[in-house]
Protein backbone atom coordinates (compact mmCIF):
# COMPACT_ATOMS: atom_id res chain seq x y z
CA UNK A 1 -8.45 0.64 54.84
CA UNK A 2 -9.23 -2.89 55.95
CA UNK A 3 -7.91 -4.28 52.65
CA UNK A 4 -4.66 -2.36 53.11
CA UNK A 5 -4.21 -3.72 56.64
CA UNK A 6 -4.92 -7.25 55.44
CA UNK A 7 -2.45 -6.89 52.60
CA UNK A 8 0.24 -5.60 54.97
CA UNK A 9 -0.36 -8.47 57.42
CA UNK A 10 -0.23 -11.00 54.55
CA UNK A 11 3.01 -9.55 53.24
CA UNK A 12 4.59 -9.50 56.69
CA UNK A 13 3.52 -13.10 57.25
CA UNK A 14 5.07 -14.08 53.92
CA UNK A 15 8.38 -12.48 54.93
CA UNK A 16 8.37 -14.32 58.26
CA UNK A 17 7.56 -17.65 56.64
CA UNK A 18 10.30 -17.34 54.04
CA UNK A 19 12.94 -15.94 56.44
CA UNK A 20 14.40 -19.38 57.39
CA UNK A 21 14.74 -20.35 53.75
CA UNK A 22 16.33 -17.01 52.88
CA UNK A 23 18.89 -17.33 55.71
CA UNK A 24 19.75 -20.85 54.60
CA UNK A 25 20.10 -20.06 50.87
CA UNK A 26 21.93 -16.70 51.05
CA UNK A 27 25.29 -18.05 52.40
CA UNK A 28 25.31 -20.92 49.91
CA UNK A 29 24.90 -18.65 46.90
CA UNK A 30 27.08 -15.92 48.39
CA UNK A 31 24.33 -13.33 48.01
CA UNK A 32 22.82 -10.61 50.15
CA UNK A 33 19.77 -11.99 52.05
CA UNK A 34 17.70 -8.99 50.92
CA UNK A 35 18.22 -9.91 47.26
CA UNK A 36 17.25 -13.52 47.92
CA UNK A 37 14.15 -12.29 49.75
CA UNK A 38 13.26 -10.10 46.75
CA UNK A 39 13.52 -13.16 44.53
CA UNK A 40 10.94 -14.95 46.66
CA UNK A 41 8.59 -11.95 46.40
CA UNK A 42 8.91 -11.78 42.59
CA UNK A 43 8.27 -15.52 42.28
CA UNK A 44 5.18 -15.26 44.46
CA UNK A 45 3.76 -12.41 42.38
CA UNK A 46 4.38 -14.30 39.12
CA UNK A 47 2.67 -17.43 40.42
CA UNK A 48 -0.32 -15.37 41.52
CA UNK A 49 -0.75 -13.74 38.12
CA UNK A 50 -0.35 -16.99 36.20
CA UNK A 51 -2.97 -18.62 38.35
CA UNK A 52 -5.43 -15.88 37.34
CA UNK A 53 -5.37 -15.69 33.52
CA UNK A 54 -8.26 -13.24 33.47
CA UNK A 55 -5.98 -10.57 34.90
CA UNK A 56 -3.56 -11.00 32.03
CA UNK A 57 -6.38 -11.22 29.51
CA UNK A 58 -7.64 -7.76 30.39
CA UNK A 59 -4.19 -6.25 29.91
CA UNK A 60 -3.72 -8.11 26.61
CA UNK A 61 -7.05 -7.15 25.13
CA UNK A 62 -6.61 -3.50 26.05
CA UNK A 63 -3.31 -3.10 24.21
CA UNK A 64 -1.30 -5.57 22.15
CA UNK A 65 -4.25 -7.33 20.54
CA UNK A 66 -5.68 -4.29 18.79
CA UNK A 67 -2.25 -3.09 17.71
CA UNK A 68 -1.58 -6.52 16.21
CA UNK A 69 -4.90 -6.42 14.37
CA UNK A 70 -4.29 -2.96 12.90
CA UNK A 71 -0.77 -3.91 11.80
CA UNK A 72 -2.07 -7.12 10.25
CA UNK A 73 -4.87 -5.38 8.32
CA UNK A 74 -2.42 -2.87 6.81
CA UNK A 75 0.04 -5.60 5.81
CA UNK A 76 -2.78 -7.72 4.41
CA UNK A 77 -4.03 -4.77 2.37
CA UNK A 78 -0.70 -4.31 0.60
CA UNK A 79 -0.08 -8.05 0.29
CA UNK A 80 -3.39 -8.70 -1.47
CA UNK A 81 -3.01 -5.65 -3.73
CA UNK A 82 0.59 -5.75 -4.90
CA UNK A 83 0.00 -3.07 -7.55
CA UNK A 84 -0.23 -0.45 -4.77
CA UNK A 85 3.54 -0.53 -4.36
CA UNK A 86 3.82 0.99 -7.84
CA UNK A 87 1.87 4.21 -7.24
CA UNK A 88 2.61 7.47 -5.42
CA UNK A 89 1.67 7.16 -1.73
CA UNK A 90 0.30 10.11 0.21
CA UNK A 91 -0.84 8.54 3.48
CA UNK A 92 1.33 11.06 5.34
CA UNK A 93 -0.55 13.98 3.74
CA UNK A 94 -4.05 13.13 4.98
CA UNK A 95 -5.65 16.16 6.67
CA UNK A 96 -8.24 15.76 9.41
CA UNK A 97 -8.23 12.02 8.75
CA UNK A 98 -10.11 12.33 5.46
CA UNK A 99 -8.78 14.83 2.88
CA UNK A 100 -5.65 14.83 0.71
CA UNK A 101 -4.41 17.93 -1.14
CA UNK A 102 -2.31 17.58 -4.32
CA UNK A 103 -0.64 20.80 -5.53
CA UNK A 104 -0.47 20.96 -9.34
CA UNK A 105 2.09 23.38 -10.83
CA UNK A 106 0.93 25.95 -13.36
CA UNK A 107 2.26 26.55 -16.86
CA UNK A 108 6.01 26.23 -17.42
CA UNK A 109 7.95 29.43 -18.15
CA UNK A 110 9.00 30.03 -21.77
CA UNK A 111 12.60 29.95 -22.94
CA UNK A 112 13.86 32.76 -25.19
CA UNK A 113 16.92 32.34 -27.41
CA UNK A 114 19.34 35.30 -27.47
CA UNK A 115 17.02 37.59 -25.52
CA UNK A 116 17.24 41.19 -26.75
CA UNK A 117 14.23 42.83 -25.14
CA UNK A 118 14.63 44.09 -21.57
CA UNK A 119 13.38 44.10 -18.95
CA UNK A 120 11.95 40.62 -19.24
CA UNK A 121 8.32 40.29 -18.20
CA UNK A 122 7.78 38.33 -15.00
CA UNK A 123 4.84 35.95 -15.22
CA UNK A 124 3.31 34.70 -12.02
CA UNK A 125 2.82 30.94 -11.98
CA UNK A 126 -0.79 30.00 -11.17
CA UNK A 127 -0.80 26.68 -9.34
CA UNK A 128 -3.95 24.65 -8.78
CA UNK A 129 -4.92 22.50 -5.84
CA UNK A 130 -6.55 19.07 -6.33
CA UNK A 131 -8.19 17.35 -3.39
CA UNK A 132 -9.78 14.00 -2.80
CA UNK A 133 -11.63 12.53 0.15
CA UNK A 134 -10.94 9.16 1.73
CA UNK A 135 -13.93 6.84 1.94
CA UNK A 136 -14.62 4.52 4.85
CA UNK A 137 -14.92 0.77 4.30
CA UNK A 138 -16.19 -1.33 7.18
CA UNK A 139 -16.70 -5.06 7.55
CA UNK A 140 -19.83 -6.50 9.16
CA UNK A 141 -19.26 -7.50 12.80
CA UNK A 142 -18.30 -11.11 13.40
CA UNK A 143 -19.52 -13.17 16.34
CA UNK A 144 -17.37 -16.10 17.38
CA UNK A 145 -18.67 -18.25 20.22
CA UNK A 146 -16.23 -18.90 23.03
CA UNK A 147 -13.24 -17.87 20.90
CA UNK A 148 -9.84 -18.21 22.47
CA UNK A 149 -8.19 -14.84 22.92
CA UNK A 150 -6.34 -13.77 19.79
CA UNK A 151 -2.60 -14.16 20.15
CA UNK A 152 0.18 -12.59 18.12
CA UNK A 153 -0.06 -15.30 15.47
CA UNK A 154 -0.91 -14.27 11.94
CA UNK A 155 -2.06 -17.81 11.18
CA UNK A 156 -4.71 -17.64 13.91
CA UNK A 157 -5.83 -14.18 12.80
CA UNK A 158 -6.10 -15.32 9.20
CA UNK A 159 -8.05 -18.47 10.14
CA UNK A 160 -10.54 -16.55 12.28
CA UNK A 161 -11.09 -13.42 10.23
CA UNK A 162 -9.40 -14.03 6.89
CA UNK A 163 -12.64 -13.92 4.95
CA UNK A 164 -13.79 -10.66 6.53
CA UNK A 165 -10.44 -8.96 5.92
CA UNK A 166 -10.35 -10.25 2.36
CA UNK A 167 -13.72 -8.65 1.66
CA UNK A 168 -12.91 -5.22 3.08
CA UNK A 169 -9.48 -5.01 1.44
CA UNK A 170 -10.71 -6.29 -1.91
CA UNK A 171 -13.70 -3.95 -1.93
CA UNK A 172 -11.67 -0.85 -1.06
CA UNK A 173 -9.01 -1.76 -3.65
CA UNK A 174 -11.62 -2.38 -6.37
CA UNK A 175 -13.17 1.00 -5.65
CA UNK A 176 -9.74 2.66 -5.70
CA UNK A 177 -9.02 1.36 -9.21
CA UNK A 178 -12.37 2.71 -10.43
CA UNK A 179 -11.50 6.11 -8.91
CA UNK A 180 -8.22 6.12 -10.82
CA UNK A 181 -9.89 5.19 -14.09
CA UNK A 182 -12.67 7.76 -13.67
CA UNK A 183 -10.39 10.75 -12.91
CA UNK A 184 -8.46 10.74 -16.19
CA UNK A 185 -8.01 14.03 -18.06
CA UNK A 186 -7.49 15.55 -21.48
CA UNK A 187 -3.96 14.15 -21.79
CA UNK A 188 -4.87 10.62 -20.76
CA UNK A 189 -4.40 8.01 -23.47
CA UNK A 190 -7.63 6.21 -24.40
CA UNK A 191 -6.96 3.22 -26.68
CA UNK A 192 -9.68 0.86 -28.01
CA UNK A 193 -8.91 -2.82 -28.45
CA UNK A 194 -8.24 -3.82 -32.05
CA UNK A 195 -7.97 -7.61 -32.22
CA UNK A 196 -10.32 -10.18 -33.67
CA UNK A 197 -13.82 -10.65 -32.28
CA UNK A 198 -13.94 -12.45 -28.95
CA UNK A 199 -16.72 -13.19 -26.43
CA UNK A 200 -17.64 -10.18 -24.28
CA UNK A 201 -15.98 -10.52 -20.87
CA UNK A 202 -17.54 -7.82 -18.67
CA UNK A 203 -19.71 -9.45 -15.95
CA UNK A 204 -23.10 -8.72 -17.56
CA UNK A 205 -22.02 -8.16 -21.16
CA UNK A 206 -23.21 -10.25 -24.09
CA UNK A 207 -22.15 -10.59 -27.70
CA UNK A 208 -18.59 -10.03 -28.90
CA UNK A 209 -15.87 -7.40 -28.45
CA UNK A 210 -12.56 -6.76 -30.15
CA UNK A 211 -9.87 -8.76 -28.38
CA UNK A 212 -6.87 -6.97 -26.85
CA UNK A 213 -3.64 -7.23 -28.82
CA UNK A 214 -0.01 -6.53 -28.00
CA UNK A 215 -0.23 -3.87 -30.73
CA UNK A 216 -2.68 -1.97 -28.50
CA UNK A 217 -0.01 -1.74 -25.82
CA UNK A 218 2.43 -0.55 -28.48
CA UNK A 219 -0.01 2.28 -29.28
CA UNK A 220 -0.21 3.08 -25.57
CA UNK A 221 3.58 3.40 -25.44
CA UNK A 222 3.53 5.80 -28.38
CA UNK A 223 0.94 8.00 -26.68
CA UNK A 224 2.97 8.09 -23.44
CA UNK A 225 6.16 8.91 -25.35
CA UNK A 226 4.51 11.77 -27.26
CA UNK A 227 3.56 13.38 -23.94
CA UNK A 228 7.09 12.93 -22.58
CA UNK A 229 5.92 10.65 -19.80
CA UNK A 230 9.01 9.17 -18.08
CA UNK A 231 9.84 5.76 -19.55
CA UNK A 232 10.89 4.33 -16.21
CA UNK A 233 8.32 2.84 -13.82
CA UNK A 234 5.49 2.30 -16.28
CA UNK A 235 2.87 -0.25 -15.26
CA UNK A 236 -0.35 -1.85 -16.45
CA UNK A 237 -3.12 -3.57 -14.51
CA UNK A 238 -5.13 -5.74 -16.88
CA UNK A 239 -8.25 -7.84 -16.57
CA UNK A 240 -7.56 -11.56 -16.77
CA UNK A 241 -9.30 -11.84 -20.16
CA UNK A 242 -7.41 -8.93 -21.68
CA UNK A 243 -4.10 -10.23 -20.38
CA UNK A 244 -4.81 -13.67 -21.81
CA UNK A 245 -5.72 -12.20 -25.20
CA UNK A 246 -2.59 -10.07 -25.34
CA UNK A 247 -0.36 -12.97 -24.37
CA UNK A 248 -1.92 -15.14 -27.08
CA UNK A 249 -1.23 -12.41 -29.65
CA UNK A 250 2.52 -12.66 -29.00
CA UNK A 251 4.83 -14.90 -30.98
CA UNK A 252 6.80 -17.61 -29.16
CA UNK A 253 9.91 -15.42 -29.21
CA UNK A 254 7.95 -12.46 -27.81
CA UNK A 255 6.42 -14.65 -25.08
CA UNK A 256 9.86 -15.82 -23.96
CA UNK A 257 11.14 -12.23 -23.89
CA UNK A 258 8.06 -11.18 -21.95
CA UNK A 259 8.63 -13.78 -19.21
CA UNK A 260 12.32 -12.91 -18.78
CA UNK A 261 11.33 -9.86 -16.74
CA UNK A 262 8.65 -11.58 -14.68
CA UNK A 263 8.72 -11.07 -10.91
CA UNK A 264 5.84 -13.06 -9.46
CA UNK A 265 6.76 -12.05 -5.89
CA UNK A 266 5.89 -8.42 -6.71
CA UNK A 267 2.97 -9.24 -8.99
CA UNK A 268 4.72 -8.43 -12.29
CA UNK A 269 3.97 -11.08 -14.92
CA UNK A 270 6.34 -9.66 -17.52
CA UNK A 271 7.36 -6.52 -19.42
CA UNK A 272 5.91 -5.48 -22.77
CA UNK A 273 6.69 -2.22 -24.60
CA UNK A 274 8.15 -0.65 -21.41
CA UNK A 275 5.08 -1.54 -19.31
CA UNK A 276 5.37 -3.94 -16.39
CA UNK A 277 2.22 -6.03 -16.73
CA UNK A 278 0.03 -7.20 -13.84
CA UNK A 279 -3.42 -8.79 -13.88
CA UNK A 280 -6.52 -8.76 -11.69
CA UNK A 281 -9.89 -10.47 -11.83
CA UNK A 282 -11.59 -7.11 -12.40
CA UNK A 283 -10.31 -3.60 -13.09
CA UNK A 284 -13.08 -1.32 -14.36
CA UNK A 285 -16.10 -1.25 -16.67
CA UNK A 286 -17.03 1.44 -19.20
CA UNK A 287 -20.29 2.33 -20.92
CA UNK A 288 -20.60 1.62 -24.62
CA UNK A 289 -21.55 5.11 -25.83
CA UNK A 290 -19.16 7.51 -24.05
CA UNK A 291 -16.56 5.18 -22.51
CA UNK A 292 -17.51 6.65 -19.14
CA UNK A 293 -16.20 4.58 -16.23
CA UNK A 294 -19.04 3.09 -14.21
CA UNK A 295 -19.04 3.69 -10.46
CA UNK A 296 -18.09 0.76 -8.27
CA UNK A 297 -21.08 -1.43 -7.47
CA UNK A 298 -23.20 -0.17 -10.39
CA UNK A 299 -25.36 -2.87 -11.90
CA UNK A 300 -24.01 -4.31 -15.14
CA UNK A 301 -25.71 -4.22 -18.52
CA UNK A 302 -25.25 -6.23 -21.69
CA UNK A 303 -23.34 -3.45 -23.48
CA UNK A 304 -20.63 -3.00 -20.83
CA UNK A 305 -16.97 -3.03 -21.88
CA UNK A 306 -14.01 -4.08 -19.75
CA UNK A 307 -11.18 -1.65 -19.05
CA UNK A 308 -7.49 -2.06 -18.22
CA UNK A 309 -5.40 0.79 -16.81
CA UNK A 310 -1.85 1.93 -17.65
CA UNK A 311 0.20 4.45 -15.69
CA UNK A 312 3.57 5.88 -14.74
CA UNK A 313 4.32 5.51 -11.04
CA UNK A 314 4.05 9.21 -10.17
CA UNK A 315 0.77 9.65 -12.04
CA UNK A 316 -1.52 7.76 -9.65
CA UNK A 317 -1.89 8.43 -5.95
CA UNK A 318 -3.11 6.37 -3.01
CA UNK A 319 -3.62 7.24 0.63
CA UNK A 320 -4.69 5.15 3.59
CA UNK A 321 -6.17 6.90 6.59
CA UNK A 322 -7.11 5.52 9.97
CA UNK A 323 -7.50 1.79 10.49
CA UNK A 324 -9.74 0.89 13.42
CA UNK A 325 -10.47 -2.39 15.16
CA UNK A 326 -13.55 -2.73 17.35
CA UNK A 327 -14.04 -5.53 19.83
CA UNK A 328 -16.42 -6.59 22.56
CA UNK A 329 -14.86 -9.56 24.29
CA UNK A 330 -16.79 -11.96 26.49
CA UNK A 331 -20.12 -10.44 25.56
CA UNK A 332 -22.72 -11.96 27.94
CA UNK A 333 -25.49 -11.77 25.34
CA UNK A 334 -23.52 -13.58 22.65
CA UNK A 335 -21.47 -15.91 24.91
CA UNK A 336 -18.39 -14.98 22.98
CA UNK A 337 -16.57 -12.18 21.21
CA UNK A 338 -17.81 -9.56 18.75
CA UNK A 339 -15.19 -7.97 16.47
CA UNK A 340 -15.16 -5.76 13.39
CA UNK A 341 -12.82 -3.42 11.57
CA UNK A 342 -12.91 -0.33 9.35
CA UNK A 343 -10.41 1.58 7.26
CA UNK A 344 -10.27 4.78 5.25
CA UNK A 345 -8.59 4.89 1.86
CA UNK A 346 -8.76 6.75 -1.42
CA UNK A 347 -6.88 7.96 -4.44
CA UNK A 348 -7.08 9.55 -7.89
CA UNK A 349 -5.02 10.60 -10.90
CA UNK A 350 -2.44 13.07 -9.57
CA UNK A 351 -2.47 15.55 -12.43
CA UNK A 352 -5.53 17.54 -13.49
CA UNK A 353 -4.71 16.92 -17.16
CA UNK A 354 -4.47 13.15 -16.61
CA UNK A 355 -0.98 12.93 -18.11
CA UNK A 356 0.79 9.64 -17.46
CA UNK A 357 -2.41 7.55 -17.32
CA UNK A 358 -4.06 5.52 -20.06
CA UNK A 359 -7.06 3.23 -20.49
CA UNK A 360 -7.40 0.25 -22.81
CA UNK A 361 -11.14 -0.18 -23.43
CA UNK A 362 -12.88 -2.99 -25.25
CA UNK A 363 -14.33 -2.00 -28.61
CA UNK A 364 -17.39 -3.57 -30.17
């Protein structure tokens, strides 16, 4: 009550103090004195807020800052993993924040030429439902001493937390590729490399492996064509070593033709046998005996073989769930800010039979 009375007295005093100025200015600007008085009030409020930055800081941290962070993380995720723009996206189909359902149609109906037997027998189509769960990837909290409040500047965000964001986006993307490679089916094309012997290139591998050749990609095209996989929107994500070996296997004329379709801005290095080729430092690793794809983070062994993945755009799926930013600003124990982030993402081969997906695996 006392604060209200004091505020009223202060406001009334302000009106009395500014009254002479209002009466003098209003006739000169040909304006209603009440409007001029309102201008004085607005100016006074603005000066008060600007003189107390902590008031604005609390508003900023509670709203715009986190929204900017979330938006930045999502954009950074797609920017660092350009190949994601060439797969089927199902982020709008995530249920309960974690699960995605993919309906798979049953067997196609048969066609009869010059049907003579009636009535025709109706066959109920038995559809199947494929699901996958989104995993959570979180970055370790970061403590920055006496950090200036984050503004809507992507440069500042990248300077302060670029390394942390790079780790969480790279890790989740690496795991996603392994999920794709490990959910292939009976109709997936599995092609072994067939070039000359070359040093093993998997992280822990030793000895030699057959180098990748452009003829291996030609075989991949044949397998896709036999299964009537659409010829449009075919892509390949290759390990750096495999890409280098395939490029070296091309003639000068083939290399020039390959580069004519390059689009570096979208990550496409060139087009070879209908596949738009991209490269990445790592894709997947397979065991030597069964070509089974090793889970992400599994320790390497000397017999590991590198894997590159091929697909048609509608054959692989990706979904991103909730992206969260956590912050504890002006923490008295740390004399600064504590921030971290987490995201949910996942994916798999869309069809149960694995059609439209192929793996190029190093052969011994």
